[in-house]
Amino acid sequence: MNTVTELEKVLAQEIDLYRKYSKTLNDDIQWMTKLNVEELEKNNKAKNTLLLKIKALDQARLNLIKKFAIQHGIAEDKIRLTDICEKVTPAEGKRLKVLKDELHAIVTELQQAQTGTAHLAQASLNWVNSSIATLHRLLSPTGTYNPQGKVDRETHFTGRVVEKQV
């Protein structure tokens, strides 16, 4: 099997894994909105597994690109898929370009999905922080005037729920 065919195979596998990762990322939103922590944890484990596989394939792709660069006398650090498309047969170049475009599209889609998930998670955290602050204000004792005419507040949280009032 030649380098280009191997590269096509690796790119196709990467695209497949990125699609699976995209679906898993979209499932995050569903589990977050349903507050299903168990499924969210399972989803996170699945995402971690997919990311490890993607990393391995990415390394394989880089190795194949370096191998192609060496075979064709191109500087290893400057070669891109576009350069490879120009050096191979028109049919191979067309297939590689299609895979490259598909990979680019799925990565762009993933970036948008991650942004949406991050916004949802941040909104949830803001709500939790706001709720905690409200509870803290409700449970903290109110201040009283000291002999100098200033309001004294206890510097530590006492945890009282009920205040005695006369």
N, C-alpha and C. Protein backbone atom coordinates (compact mmCIF):
# COMPACT_ATOMS: atom_id res chain seq x y z
N MET A 1 0.85 -1.17 0.00
CA MET A 1 0.00 0.00 0.00
C MET A 1 0.90 1.23 0.00
N ASN A 2 0.62 2.18 -0.90
CA ASN A 2 1.48 3.36 -0.95
C ASN A 2 1.08 4.40 0.10
N THR A 3 1.91 5.39 0.27
CA THR A 3 1.72 6.40 1.31
C THR A 3 0.41 7.15 1.14
N VAL A 4 0.05 7.49 -0.09
CA VAL A 4 -1.18 8.25 -0.34
C VAL A 4 -2.41 7.44 0.05
N THR A 5 -2.42 6.16 -0.30
CA THR A 5 -3.55 5.29 0.04
C THR A 5 -3.67 5.15 1.56
N GLU A 6 -2.53 5.00 2.23
CA GLU A 6 -2.54 4.92 3.69
C GLU A 6 -3.06 6.22 4.29
N LEU A 7 -2.63 7.33 3.71
CA LEU A 7 -3.06 8.64 4.19
C LEU A 7 -4.58 8.81 4.02
N GLU A 8 -5.10 8.37 2.88
CA GLU A 8 -6.55 8.44 2.65
C GLU A 8 -7.30 7.62 3.70
N LYS A 9 -6.77 6.44 3.99
CA LYS A 9 -7.39 5.56 4.98
C LYS A 9 -7.40 6.21 6.37
N VAL A 10 -6.28 6.80 6.75
CA VAL A 10 -6.17 7.46 8.06
C VAL A 10 -7.10 8.67 8.13
N LEU A 11 -7.15 9.46 7.07
CA LEU A 11 -8.05 10.63 7.05
C LEU A 11 -9.51 10.20 7.16
N ALA A 12 -9.89 9.13 6.48
CA ALA A 12 -11.27 8.64 6.55
C ALA A 12 -11.60 8.17 7.98
N GLN A 13 -10.65 7.50 8.62
CA GLN A 13 -10.86 7.06 10.00
C GLN A 13 -10.97 8.25 10.94
N GLU A 14 -10.12 9.27 10.71
CA GLU A 14 -10.18 10.47 11.54
C GLU A 14 -11.54 11.16 11.41
N ILE A 15 -12.02 11.27 10.19
CA ILE A 15 -13.32 11.89 9.94
C ILE A 15 -14.41 11.12 10.67
N ASP A 16 -14.35 9.80 10.61
CA ASP A 16 -15.34 8.97 11.29
C ASP A 16 -15.31 9.21 12.81
N LEU A 17 -14.11 9.27 13.38
CA LEU A 17 -13.98 9.51 14.82
C LEU A 17 -14.46 10.91 15.19
N TYR A 18 -14.15 11.90 14.37
CA TYR A 18 -14.61 13.26 14.65
C TYR A 18 -16.14 13.34 14.59
N ARG A 19 -16.76 12.61 13.69
CA ARG A 19 -18.23 12.58 13.63
C ARG A 19 -18.81 11.96 14.90
N LYS A 20 -18.19 10.88 15.36
CA LYS A 20 -18.64 10.25 16.61
C LYS A 20 -18.45 11.21 17.78
N TYR A 21 -17.33 11.91 17.79
CA TYR A 21 -17.06 12.89 18.85
C TYR A 21 -18.10 14.00 18.81
N SER A 22 -18.45 14.44 17.61
CA SER A 22 -19.45 15.50 17.45
C SER A 22 -20.80 15.06 18.02
N LYS A 23 -21.19 13.82 17.73
CA LYS A 23 -22.45 13.30 18.26
C LYS A 23 -22.40 13.24 19.78
N THR A 24 -21.29 12.78 20.31
CA THR A 24 -21.12 12.68 21.76
C THR A 24 -21.15 14.06 22.41
N LEU A 25 -20.55 15.03 21.75
CA LEU A 25 -20.55 16.40 22.27
C LEU A 25 -21.97 16.96 22.26
N ASN A 26 -22.72 16.68 21.22
CA ASN A 26 -24.11 17.15 21.17
C ASN A 26 -24.97 16.47 22.23
N ASP A 27 -24.64 15.22 22.57
CA ASP A 27 -25.35 14.53 23.64
C ASP A 27 -25.12 15.21 24.99
N ASP A 28 -23.95 15.84 25.16
CA ASP A 28 -23.66 16.57 26.39
C ASP A 28 -24.75 17.58 26.71
N ILE A 29 -25.17 18.31 25.70
CA ILE A 29 -26.20 19.34 25.91
C ILE A 29 -27.48 18.69 26.43
N GLN A 30 -27.84 17.57 25.82
CA GLN A 30 -29.05 16.86 26.25
C GLN A 30 -28.94 16.45 27.72
N TRP A 31 -27.80 15.86 28.10
CA TRP A 31 -27.65 15.38 29.47
C TRP A 31 -27.53 16.54 30.45
N MET A 32 -26.92 17.65 30.03
CA MET A 32 -26.83 18.80 30.92
C MET A 32 -28.20 19.41 31.18
N THR A 33 -29.00 19.54 30.13
CA THR A 33 -30.32 20.14 30.31
C THR A 33 -31.26 19.24 31.12
N LYS A 34 -31.04 17.92 31.05
CA LYS A 34 -31.86 16.99 31.82
C LYS A 34 -31.28 16.74 33.22
N LEU A 35 -30.11 17.34 33.48
CA LEU A 35 -29.40 17.18 34.76
C LEU A 35 -29.13 15.71 35.07
N ASN A 36 -28.79 14.95 34.03
CA ASN A 36 -28.49 13.53 34.19
C ASN A 36 -26.97 13.36 34.31
N VAL A 37 -26.50 13.39 35.54
CA VAL A 37 -25.07 13.37 35.82
C VAL A 37 -24.45 12.03 35.43
N GLU A 38 -25.16 10.92 35.66
CA GLU A 38 -24.63 9.61 35.31
C GLU A 38 -24.33 9.50 33.82
N GLU A 39 -25.29 9.89 33.01
CA GLU A 39 -25.11 9.83 31.55
C GLU A 39 -24.04 10.81 31.10
N LEU A 40 -23.96 11.96 31.76
CA LEU A 40 -22.94 12.95 31.42
C LEU A 40 -21.55 12.40 31.71
N GLU A 41 -21.41 11.67 32.82
CA GLU A 41 -20.12 11.06 33.14
C GLU A 41 -19.76 9.98 32.12
N LYS A 42 -20.74 9.16 31.73
CA LYS A 42 -20.50 8.14 30.70
C LYS A 42 -20.07 8.81 29.39
N ASN A 43 -20.76 9.89 29.08
CA ASN A 43 -20.46 10.63 27.86
C ASN A 43 -19.04 11.19 27.89
N ASN A 44 -18.63 11.69 29.04
CA ASN A 44 -17.27 12.23 29.18
C ASN A 44 -16.22 11.14 29.00
N LYS A 45 -16.50 9.95 29.52
CA LYS A 45 -15.56 8.83 29.34
C LYS A 45 -15.47 8.45 27.86
N ALA A 46 -16.63 8.44 27.19
CA ALA A 46 -16.64 8.12 25.75
C ALA A 46 -15.86 9.17 24.97
N LYS A 47 -16.03 10.44 25.34
CA LYS A 47 -15.30 11.52 24.66
C LYS A 47 -13.80 11.37 24.87
N ASN A 48 -13.40 11.04 26.09
CA ASN A 48 -11.96 10.85 26.37
C ASN A 48 -11.38 9.72 25.54
N THR A 49 -12.13 8.63 25.43
CA THR A 49 -11.68 7.50 24.62
C THR A 49 -11.54 7.91 23.16
N LEU A 50 -12.54 8.61 22.64
CA LEU A 50 -12.49 9.08 21.25
C LEU A 50 -11.31 10.03 21.03
N LEU A 51 -11.07 10.91 21.99
CA LEU A 51 -9.95 11.84 21.85
C LEU A 51 -8.61 11.12 21.81
N LEU A 52 -8.47 10.06 22.59
CA LEU A 52 -7.23 9.27 22.55
C LEU A 52 -7.05 8.62 21.18
N LYS A 53 -8.13 8.09 20.64
CA LYS A 53 -8.06 7.47 19.32
C LYS A 53 -7.75 8.51 18.25
N ILE A 54 -8.36 9.69 18.37
CA ILE A 54 -8.11 10.78 17.41
C ILE A 54 -6.64 11.20 17.47
N LYS A 55 -6.12 11.28 18.70
CA LYS A 55 -4.71 11.66 18.87
C LYS A 55 -3.79 10.65 18.19
N ALA A 56 -4.09 9.38 18.35
CA ALA A 56 -3.28 8.32 17.74
C ALA A 56 -3.34 8.42 16.21
N LEU A 57 -4.54 8.62 15.67
CA LEU A 57 -4.68 8.75 14.22
C LEU A 57 -4.00 10.02 13.70
N ASP A 58 -4.08 11.08 14.48
CA ASP A 58 -3.43 12.33 14.08
C ASP A 58 -1.93 12.13 13.99
N GLN A 59 -1.37 11.39 14.94
CA GLN A 59 0.07 11.10 14.91
C GLN A 59 0.41 10.23 13.70
N ALA A 60 -0.45 9.26 13.39
CA ALA A 60 -0.24 8.41 12.22
C ALA A 60 -0.28 9.26 10.94
N ARG A 61 -1.22 10.20 10.89
CA ARG A 61 -1.32 11.09 9.72
C ARG A 61 -0.05 11.93 9.57
N LEU A 62 0.44 12.47 10.68
CA LEU A 62 1.66 13.28 10.63
C LEU A 62 2.86 12.45 10.18
N ASN A 63 2.93 11.21 10.65
CA ASN A 63 4.02 10.32 10.24
C ASN A 63 3.96 10.02 8.75
N LEU A 64 2.76 9.79 8.23
CA LEU A 64 2.60 9.53 6.79
C LEU A 64 2.96 10.76 5.96
N ILE A 65 2.60 11.93 6.45
CA ILE A 65 2.93 13.17 5.73
C ILE A 65 4.44 13.37 5.71
N LYS A 66 5.10 13.10 6.84
CA LYS A 66 6.57 13.21 6.89
C LYS A 66 7.21 12.21 5.93
N LYS A 67 6.66 11.00 5.92
CA LYS A 67 7.18 9.96 5.03
C LYS A 67 7.05 10.41 3.57
N PHE A 68 5.91 10.98 3.21
CA PHE A 68 5.68 11.47 1.86
C PHE A 68 6.67 12.60 1.54
N ALA A 69 6.89 13.48 2.50
CA ALA A 69 7.81 14.61 2.30
C ALA A 69 9.22 14.11 2.02
N ILE A 70 9.64 13.11 2.79
CA ILE A 70 10.98 12.55 2.59
C ILE A 70 11.08 11.90 1.21
N GLN A 71 10.06 11.14 0.83
CA GLN A 71 10.06 10.46 -0.47
C GLN A 71 10.12 11.45 -1.64
N HIS A 72 9.54 12.64 -1.45
CA HIS A 72 9.45 13.61 -2.55
C HIS A 72 10.37 14.82 -2.38
N GLY A 73 11.27 14.76 -1.40
CA GLY A 73 12.25 15.81 -1.20
C GLY A 73 11.65 17.16 -0.79
N ILE A 74 10.60 17.13 0.00
CA ILE A 74 9.95 18.36 0.47
C ILE A 74 10.31 18.54 1.94
N ALA A 75 10.48 19.79 2.36
CA ALA A 75 10.78 20.06 3.76
C ALA A 75 9.64 19.54 4.64
N GLU A 76 9.99 18.71 5.62
CA GLU A 76 8.98 18.06 6.47
C GLU A 76 8.13 19.05 7.25
N ASP A 77 8.73 20.14 7.68
CA ASP A 77 8.00 21.09 8.52
C ASP A 77 7.09 22.02 7.72
N LYS A 78 7.20 22.02 6.41
CA LYS A 78 6.41 22.94 5.59
C LYS A 78 5.35 22.25 4.73
N ILE A 79 5.28 20.94 4.78
CA ILE A 79 4.36 20.23 3.91
C ILE A 79 2.94 20.22 4.50
N ARG A 80 1.97 20.38 3.62
CA ARG A 80 0.55 20.35 3.99
C ARG A 80 -0.16 19.41 3.03
N LEU A 81 -1.40 19.09 3.35
CA LEU A 81 -2.17 18.21 2.47
C LEU A 81 -2.33 18.82 1.08
N THR A 82 -2.45 20.14 1.02
CA THR A 82 -2.56 20.81 -0.28
C THR A 82 -1.32 20.56 -1.13
N ASP A 83 -0.15 20.57 -0.51
CA ASP A 83 1.10 20.29 -1.23
C ASP A 83 1.12 18.86 -1.75
N ILE A 84 0.62 17.95 -0.94
CA ILE A 84 0.58 16.54 -1.36
C ILE A 84 -0.35 16.39 -2.56
N CYS A 85 -1.49 17.07 -2.52
CA CYS A 85 -2.46 16.99 -3.63
C CYS A 85 -1.83 17.41 -4.96
N GLU A 86 -0.90 18.35 -4.90
CA GLU A 86 -0.23 18.83 -6.11
C GLU A 86 0.82 17.84 -6.63
N LYS A 87 1.33 16.98 -5.75
CA LYS A 87 2.42 16.07 -6.13
C LYS A 87 1.95 14.68 -6.56
N VAL A 88 0.68 14.38 -6.38
CA VAL A 88 0.17 13.04 -6.71
C VAL A 88 -0.66 13.08 -7.99
N THR A 89 -1.16 11.94 -8.39
CA THR A 89 -1.99 11.89 -9.60
C THR A 89 -3.26 12.71 -9.39
N PRO A 90 -3.88 13.19 -10.46
CA PRO A 90 -5.10 13.99 -10.31
C PRO A 90 -6.21 13.26 -9.53
N ALA A 91 -6.36 11.96 -9.75
CA ALA A 91 -7.39 11.20 -9.04
C ALA A 91 -7.10 11.15 -7.54
N GLU A 92 -5.84 10.88 -7.19
CA GLU A 92 -5.46 10.85 -5.78
C GLU A 92 -5.60 12.23 -5.15
N GLY A 93 -5.18 13.24 -5.88
CA GLY A 93 -5.29 14.61 -5.40
C GLY A 93 -6.74 15.01 -5.13
N LYS A 94 -7.63 14.59 -6.02
CA LYS A 94 -9.05 14.91 -5.86
C LYS A 94 -9.61 14.23 -4.60
N ARG A 95 -9.27 12.95 -4.41
CA ARG A 95 -9.74 12.21 -3.24
C ARG A 95 -9.20 12.83 -1.94
N LEU A 96 -7.92 13.19 -1.95
CA LEU A 96 -7.33 13.81 -0.76
C LEU A 96 -7.97 15.16 -0.46
N LYS A 97 -8.25 15.94 -1.52
CA LYS A 97 -8.88 17.25 -1.32
C LYS A 97 -10.27 17.10 -0.73
N VAL A 98 -11.02 16.12 -1.20
CA VAL A 98 -12.37 15.87 -0.66
C VAL A 98 -12.27 15.51 0.83
N LEU A 99 -11.33 14.64 1.17
CA LEU A 99 -11.14 14.25 2.57
C LEU A 99 -10.69 15.44 3.42
N LYS A 100 -9.80 16.25 2.88
CA LYS A 100 -9.32 17.44 3.59
C LYS A 100 -10.47 18.40 3.85
N ASP A 101 -11.30 18.64 2.83
CA ASP A 101 -12.43 19.55 2.99
C ASP A 101 -13.45 19.01 4.00
N GLU A 102 -13.67 17.71 3.95
CA GLU A 102 -14.60 17.08 4.89
C GLU A 102 -14.07 17.18 6.32
N LEU A 103 -12.78 16.96 6.48
CA LEU A 103 -12.16 17.06 7.80
C LEU A 103 -12.25 18.50 8.32
N HIS A 104 -11.99 19.45 7.46
CA HIS A 104 -12.08 20.86 7.84
C HIS A 104 -13.51 21.21 8.26
N ALA A 105 -14.50 20.72 7.52
CA ALA A 105 -15.91 21.01 7.82
C ALA A 105 -16.31 20.43 9.18
N ILE A 106 -15.90 19.21 9.46
CA ILE A 106 -16.28 18.58 10.72
C ILE A 106 -15.58 19.26 11.90
N VAL A 107 -14.35 19.71 11.71
CA VAL A 107 -13.64 20.42 12.78
C VAL A 107 -14.32 21.76 13.06
N THR A 108 -14.75 22.45 12.02
CA THR A 108 -15.47 23.72 12.20
C THR A 108 -16.78 23.48 12.94
N GLU A 109 -17.49 22.42 12.57
CA GLU A 109 -18.74 22.06 13.24
C GLU A 109 -18.49 21.76 14.72
N LEU A 110 -17.39 21.06 15.00
CA LEU A 110 -17.04 20.74 16.39
C LEU A 110 -16.75 21.99 17.20
N GLN A 111 -16.05 22.93 16.60
CA GLN A 111 -15.74 24.18 17.30
C GLN A 111 -17.02 24.91 17.68
N GLN A 112 -17.99 24.93 16.78
CA GLN A 112 -19.27 25.59 17.07
C GLN A 112 -20.02 24.85 18.18
N ALA A 113 -20.01 23.52 18.13
CA ALA A 113 -20.70 22.72 19.15
C ALA A 113 -20.04 22.93 20.52
N GLN A 114 -18.71 22.97 20.54
CA GLN A 114 -18.00 23.17 21.80
C GLN A 114 -18.30 24.55 22.38
N THR A 115 -18.42 25.54 21.52
CA THR A 115 -18.75 26.89 21.98
C THR A 115 -20.14 26.89 22.62
N GLY A 116 -21.10 26.23 21.97
CA GLY A 116 -22.45 26.14 22.52
C GLY A 116 -22.48 25.41 23.85
N THR A 117 -21.75 24.32 23.95
CA THR A 117 -21.69 23.55 25.19
C THR A 117 -21.03 24.38 26.29
N ALA A 118 -19.98 25.10 25.94
CA ALA A 118 -19.28 25.94 26.93
C ALA A 118 -20.20 27.04 27.44
N HIS A 119 -21.00 27.64 26.56
CA HIS A 119 -21.94 28.68 26.99
C HIS A 119 -22.99 28.11 27.93
N LEU A 120 -23.51 26.93 27.61
CA LEU A 120 -24.50 26.29 28.47
C LEU A 120 -23.90 25.98 29.84
N ALA A 121 -22.70 25.42 29.85
CA ALA A 121 -22.04 25.09 31.12
C ALA A 121 -21.77 26.35 31.93
N GLN A 122 -21.33 27.42 31.27
CA GLN A 122 -21.05 28.67 31.98
C GLN A 122 -22.33 29.27 32.55
N ALA A 123 -23.42 29.23 31.79
CA ALA A 123 -24.71 29.73 32.29
C ALA A 123 -25.16 28.93 33.51
N SER A 124 -24.96 27.63 33.47
CA SER A 124 -25.32 26.78 34.61
C SER A 124 -24.48 27.13 35.84
N LEU A 125 -23.18 27.31 35.62
CA LEU A 125 -22.30 27.67 36.74
C LEU A 125 -22.66 29.04 37.32
N ASN A 126 -23.00 29.98 36.46
CA ASN A 126 -23.41 31.30 36.93
C ASN A 126 -24.67 31.20 37.79
N TRP A 127 -25.62 30.36 37.35
CA TRP A 127 -26.85 30.18 38.13
C TRP A 127 -26.54 29.57 39.49
N VAL A 128 -25.67 28.55 39.53
CA VAL A 128 -25.30 27.92 40.79
C VAL A 128 -24.61 28.93 41.70
N ASN A 129 -23.68 29.71 41.17
CA ASN A 129 -22.99 30.72 41.98
C ASN A 129 -23.95 31.76 42.51
N SER A 130 -24.89 32.18 41.70
CA SER A 130 -25.90 33.15 42.12
C SER A 130 -26.77 32.56 43.23
N SER A 131 -27.15 31.31 43.10
CA SER A 131 -27.97 30.65 44.12
C SER A 131 -27.21 30.54 45.44
N ILE A 132 -25.94 30.19 45.36
CA ILE A 132 -25.12 30.08 46.57
C ILE A 132 -24.99 31.44 47.24
N ALA A 133 -24.77 32.48 46.45
CA ALA A 133 -24.64 33.83 47.01
C ALA A 133 -25.95 34.26 47.68
N THR A 134 -27.07 33.95 47.07
CA THR A 134 -28.36 34.30 47.66
C THR A 134 -28.56 33.57 48.98
N LEU A 135 -28.28 32.27 49.00
CA LEU A 135 -28.40 31.50 50.24
C LEU A 135 -27.47 32.05 51.32
N HIS A 136 -26.27 32.41 50.92
CA HIS A 136 -25.31 32.95 51.88
C HIS A 136 -25.85 34.25 52.50
N ARG A 137 -26.40 35.11 51.64
CA ARG A 137 -26.97 36.38 52.16
C ARG A 137 -28.15 36.10 53.08
N LEU A 138 -28.99 35.12 52.73
CA LEU A 138 -30.16 34.81 53.56
C LEU A 138 -29.78 34.20 54.89
N LEU A 139 -28.71 33.42 54.91
CA LEU A 139 -28.33 32.71 56.13
C LEU A 139 -27.35 33.49 56.99
N SER A 140 -26.77 34.54 56.47
CA SER A 140 -25.81 35.33 57.24
C SER A 140 -26.56 36.29 58.16
N PRO A 141 -26.04 36.48 59.35
CA PRO A 141 -26.70 37.42 60.28
C PRO A 141 -26.58 38.85 59.76
N THR A 142 -27.56 39.63 60.10
CA THR A 142 -27.51 41.04 59.68
C THR A 142 -26.58 41.79 60.62
N GLY A 143 -26.09 42.92 60.15
CA GLY A 143 -25.17 43.71 60.94
C GLY A 143 -25.89 44.54 62.00
N THR A 144 -25.14 44.94 63.01
CA THR A 144 -25.68 45.82 64.05
C THR A 144 -24.74 47.01 64.19
N TYR A 145 -25.27 48.12 64.77
CA TYR A 145 -24.44 49.31 64.95
C TYR A 145 -23.52 49.12 66.15
N ASN A 146 -22.26 49.52 65.96
CA ASN A 146 -21.31 49.47 67.07
C ASN A 146 -21.29 50.84 67.75
N PRO A 147 -20.57 50.97 68.85
CA PRO A 147 -20.54 52.26 69.56
C PRO A 147 -20.04 53.44 68.71
N GLN A 148 -19.27 53.18 67.64
CA GLN A 148 -18.77 54.26 66.80
C GLN A 148 -19.80 54.65 65.74
N GLY A 149 -20.94 53.99 65.69
CA GLY A 149 -21.99 54.34 64.74
C GLY A 149 -21.85 53.64 63.39
N LYS A 150 -20.96 52.70 63.30
CA LYS A 150 -20.79 51.95 62.05
C LYS A 150 -21.44 50.58 62.18
N VAL A 151 -21.79 50.00 61.00
CA VAL A 151 -22.43 48.69 61.02
C VAL A 151 -21.38 47.61 61.18
N ASP A 152 -21.55 46.80 62.21
CA ASP A 152 -20.67 45.66 62.44
C ASP A 152 -21.31 44.41 61.84
N ARG A 153 -20.54 43.72 61.07
CA ARG A 153 -21.00 42.42 60.54
C ARG A 153 -20.00 41.37 60.99
N GLU A 154 -20.52 40.24 61.30
CA GLU A 154 -19.61 39.17 61.69
C GLU A 154 -18.75 38.82 60.48
N THR A 155 -17.47 38.60 60.73
CA THR A 155 -16.55 38.33 59.63
C THR A 155 -16.58 36.87 59.18
N HIS A 156 -17.21 36.04 59.94
CA HIS A 156 -17.29 34.63 59.54
C HIS A 156 -18.75 34.22 59.39
N PHE A 157 -18.94 33.18 58.65
CA PHE A 157 -20.29 32.68 58.39
C PHE A 157 -20.71 31.80 59.56
N THR A 158 -21.83 32.16 60.19
CA THR A 158 -22.26 31.42 61.38
C THR A 158 -23.17 30.27 61.06
N GLY A 159 -23.83 30.29 59.91
CA GLY A 159 -24.67 29.18 59.52
C GLY A 159 -26.04 29.19 60.17
N ARG A 160 -26.43 30.29 60.79
CA ARG A 160 -27.73 30.34 61.43
C ARG A 160 -28.82 30.48 60.38
N VAL A 161 -29.90 29.79 60.59
CA VAL A 161 -31.03 29.87 59.66
C VAL A 161 -32.10 30.79 60.23
N VAL A 162 -32.28 30.73 61.52
CA VAL A 162 -33.33 31.52 62.16
C VAL A 162 -32.66 32.56 63.06
N GLU A 163 -33.14 33.79 62.99
CA GLU A 163 -32.62 34.84 63.84
C GLU A 163 -33.66 35.16 64.90
N LYS A 164 -33.21 35.37 66.12
CA LYS A 164 -34.13 35.74 67.19
C LYS A 164 -34.35 37.24 67.10
N GLN A 165 -35.59 37.62 67.09
CA GLN A 165 -35.89 39.05 67.06
C GLN A 165 -36.90 39.35 68.15
N VAL A 166 -36.79 40.55 68.77
CA VAL A 166 -37.70 40.95 69.84
C VAL A 166 -38.75 41.85 69.28
